[in-house]
Amino acid sequence: MARGITQAQVNAAADAILGAGENPTVEKVRAALGTGSPNTITRMLETWRGQLGERLRQLSALPEVPDAVGQVMIELWRLATEQAERLIEGRFANERSALETTQAQLAQERKHWESRLQVAEVNVAQARTAQGLAEHACATLDGQLQDSHALRADLVQQRDRLQDQCVQQSAQIQALRAQLDENQASLQTERERQEAHIRAIEDRSHHEVDRARQEARQWQLRNEATERASRDAVTAIQNRLDLAVDQARRLEQEVARQTGQIAALDKALSQAYLANAPAAVAPKVIAKRAQRKKAPSGGRVLK
């Protein structure tokens, strides 16, 4: 028995509802009292109905009420009670049929959302795999870019070394020319020979300088091409990575939304069933809801 609910309170509430011209039901009595278990109110209403027949018989036995009037009142009450019970049973049958239809539709929708949730989870896994591959490719390109920077630094050092050699050779040429100018008056023949030798050295030096400059220029062009290719590849990989991350974020949001919709549908189904089910079935439904709350998230909830 629920705390605070007595037979007298249920009798008073049922008498008030009957006096208003309505049929006392569990819901109406519970609404009038504001509390009470449906099972307890059901038992007390049965007791009240049993006592009501005796009360009517006592009323028909009073001196101021004729026996015929009392019997008619009892018969009218019996007919009204039977008609009310038939109406209630018909309404419960209709509501039960509608509830079963709604339950079947919700079960189909649940299966549909579960299949979509599985597809979304597969897409999320694929997106995360693509993200890992993109990050690995990006790391590889970063390593190649660092190697190209090291190669460029080596080429710059080689160019500087060749330029130093050119400067040294130019200094040697200038020194030779100065020496030839000093000995020009006395060593005309030697001068011509030395000038020829100097020209040969200059030609060879200029050829070496030109060749070194061309090689340095070629290395520089190749390095610039490598850097451009690396930047383009890094940009492409970054774009793909951003696209994969954005797609994974959208899929996770879709999974969260679908999970919330499934939970809302399950809750609405349970509430609809509890609101329309007979009083004797309510504890079983409440117990099943408690078991579903304790069940792991991956298990089947609706049966």
Foldseek 3Di string as FASTA:
>chain_A
DDPPDDLVLLLVQQVVCVVVVHHDDLVSSCVVVVDDASVVSVVSVVVSVVVVLVVLVVVCPDPVHDVVNSVVVSVVVVVVVVVVVVVVVVVLVVLVVVLVVLLVVLVVVLVVLVVVLVVLVVLLVVLVVLLVVLVVVLVVLVVVLVVLVVLLVVLVVLLVVLVVVLVVLVVVLVVLVVVLVVCCVPCVVVSVVSVVVSVVSVVVSVVSSVVSVVVSVVSVVVSVVSNVVSVVVSVVSVVSSVVSVVSSVVSVVVSVVSVVVSVVSVVVSLVSCLVSPDSVCNVVSVVLVVVLVVDDPPDDNRD
